[in-house]
Amino acid sequence: MQLKTSYQYIPVTNLQQAMEWYSEHLGFKLAVEDAICLELRTESGVRVILIPNEEGKVTSHMNYTNGVQATYGFTVGEDIHSLYQQFKDKGIKVGKLTDYQGLSFKFFDPDGNAIELWGDYPTL
């Protein structure tokens, strides 16, 4: 078996608004629309599936006593410092820029889902 890519389910309270947000800030495009979800994809093949969470009871991250841990994230090729500043400038809630096996930071979508952007492992 050879795994090719992955996908994540993201619980949102408004499918249309979430699709617009993910398109604007992360470059996703609508790929599949059906009665129960919206599948978004990037040009590079990254997939997310937005699912209804009308009551806001489902979370997509783990809650610990010292904060939340994203359960999914995206590896980026751009300068992580620049992306961090861009997200802050756009008013997107972000966590601290951290350096653990490469630079990364957490950000939150409008539904409070914690997602991580990672600059990948440092080059040696």
Protein backbone atom coordinates (compact mmCIF):
# COMPACT_ATOMS: atom_id res chain seq x y z
CA MET A 1 0.00 0.00 0.00
CA GLN A 2 1.15 3.52 -0.79
CA LEU A 3 -0.70 6.35 0.93
CA LYS A 4 -1.12 9.34 -1.39
CA THR A 5 -2.72 12.10 0.65
CA SER A 6 -5.08 12.62 3.56
CA TYR A 7 -8.23 14.48 4.47
CA GLN A 8 -9.76 15.91 7.60
CA TYR A 9 -13.33 16.43 8.73
CA ILE A 10 -13.87 19.89 10.17
CA PRO A 11 -17.07 20.60 12.15
CA VAL A 12 -18.54 24.03 11.35
CA THR A 13 -21.74 25.86 12.23
CA ASN A 14 -22.28 27.35 8.75
CA LEU A 15 -21.03 25.40 5.72
CA GLN A 16 -21.17 28.33 3.28
CA GLN A 17 -19.42 30.83 5.56
CA ALA A 18 -16.76 28.27 6.50
CA MET A 19 -16.13 27.46 2.83
CA GLU A 20 -15.62 31.15 2.09
CA TRP A 21 -13.22 31.51 5.06
CA TYR A 22 -11.13 28.46 4.12
CA SER A 23 -11.04 29.64 0.52
CA GLU A 24 -9.94 33.16 1.41
CA HIS A 25 -7.33 32.31 4.02
CA LEU A 26 -6.00 28.89 2.98
CA GLY A 27 -6.66 28.71 -0.76
CA PHE A 28 -9.23 25.90 -0.77
CA LYS A 29 -11.74 25.55 -3.61
CA LEU A 30 -15.08 23.77 -3.54
CA ALA A 31 -14.69 20.30 -5.06
CA VAL A 32 -17.82 18.40 -3.99
CA GLU A 33 -21.08 19.66 -2.57
CA ASP A 34 -23.71 17.24 -1.32
CA ALA A 35 -26.56 17.20 1.17
CA ILE A 36 -24.39 16.58 4.24
CA CYS A 37 -20.98 18.16 3.61
CA LEU A 38 -18.72 20.28 1.45
CA GLU A 39 -15.39 18.91 0.26
CA LEU A 40 -12.71 21.51 -0.36
CA ARG A 41 -9.36 20.97 -2.08
CA THR A 42 -6.21 22.91 -2.76
CA GLU A 43 -4.33 22.84 -6.05
CA SER A 44 -1.76 20.55 -4.42
CA GLY A 45 -4.46 18.01 -3.44
CA VAL A 46 -4.96 18.77 0.26
CA ARG A 47 -8.56 17.95 1.17
CA VAL A 48 -10.86 19.01 4.00
CA ILE A 49 -14.48 18.04 4.45
CA LEU A 50 -16.68 20.57 6.20
CA ILE A 51 -19.45 18.90 8.17
CA PRO A 52 -22.41 20.50 9.97
CA ASN A 53 -22.04 21.24 13.66
CA GLU A 54 -25.13 23.41 14.20
CA GLU A 55 -25.08 23.17 17.98
CA GLY A 56 -21.33 23.72 18.24
CA LYS A 57 -20.88 20.67 20.46
CA VAL A 58 -18.18 18.93 18.40
CA THR A 59 -14.57 20.06 18.68
CA SER A 60 -11.77 19.21 16.31
CA HIS A 61 -8.97 19.53 18.83
CA MET A 62 -7.87 18.01 22.10
CA ASN A 63 -8.37 20.02 25.29
CA TYR A 64 -5.63 19.79 27.91
CA THR A 65 -5.20 21.64 31.19
CA ASN A 66 -2.43 23.74 29.59
CA GLY A 67 -4.41 24.56 26.40
CA VAL A 68 -5.61 23.02 23.18
CA GLN A 69 -3.70 20.78 20.80
CA ALA A 70 -4.66 20.78 17.14
CA THR A 71 -5.48 17.34 15.81
CA TYR A 72 -4.59 18.31 12.25
CA GLY A 73 -2.40 20.78 10.49
CA PHE A 74 -0.84 21.75 7.21
CA THR A 75 2.81 21.81 6.18
CA VAL A 76 3.68 24.96 4.24
CA GLY A 77 6.53 25.91 1.95
CA GLU A 78 6.35 29.65 2.63
CA ASP A 79 8.27 31.48 5.33
CA ILE A 80 6.42 30.62 8.53
CA HIS A 81 7.29 33.98 10.15
CA SER A 82 5.67 35.82 7.25
CA LEU A 83 2.54 33.63 7.38
CA TYR A 84 2.28 34.14 11.13
CA GLN A 85 2.33 37.92 10.66
CA GLN A 86 -0.16 37.73 7.77
CA PHE A 87 -2.63 35.76 9.90
CA LYS A 88 -2.26 38.25 12.76
CA ASP A 89 -2.72 41.19 10.36
CA LYS A 90 -5.94 39.62 9.04
CA GLY A 91 -7.30 39.37 12.59
CA ILE A 92 -7.13 35.58 12.73
CA LYS A 93 -6.63 34.32 16.27
CA VAL A 94 -3.19 32.69 16.47
CA GLY A 95 -1.20 30.98 19.20
CA LYS A 96 2.51 31.45 19.86
CA LEU A 97 5.09 30.72 17.19
CA THR A 98 6.91 27.67 18.53
CA ASP A 99 10.03 25.77 17.54
CA TYR A 100 9.65 22.05 18.11
CA GLN A 101 11.12 20.02 15.27
CA GLY A 102 10.53 23.06 13.06
CA LEU A 103 8.58 26.27 13.43
CA SER A 104 4.81 26.15 13.73
CA PHE A 105 1.84 28.00 15.09
CA LYS A 106 -1.75 27.28 15.93
CA PHE A 107 -4.59 29.32 14.49
CA PHE A 108 -8.35 29.16 14.93
CA ASP A 109 -11.10 29.23 12.33
CA PRO A 110 -14.33 31.18 13.03
CA ASP A 111 -15.82 28.11 14.77
CA GLY A 112 -12.85 27.87 17.15
CA ASN A 113 -11.31 24.81 15.48
CA ALA A 114 -7.59 24.72 16.29
CA ILE A 115 -5.40 24.09 13.24
CA GLU A 116 -1.63 24.13 12.96
CA LEU A 117 0.65 25.49 10.24
CA TRP A 118 4.07 23.90 10.25
CA GLY A 119 7.15 24.99 8.34
CA ASP A 120 8.38 21.35 8.23
CA TYR A 121 11.51 19.85 9.75
CA PRO A 122 14.53 22.15 9.82
CA THR A 123 17.12 21.52 7.14
CA LEU A 124 20.44 20.28 8.40
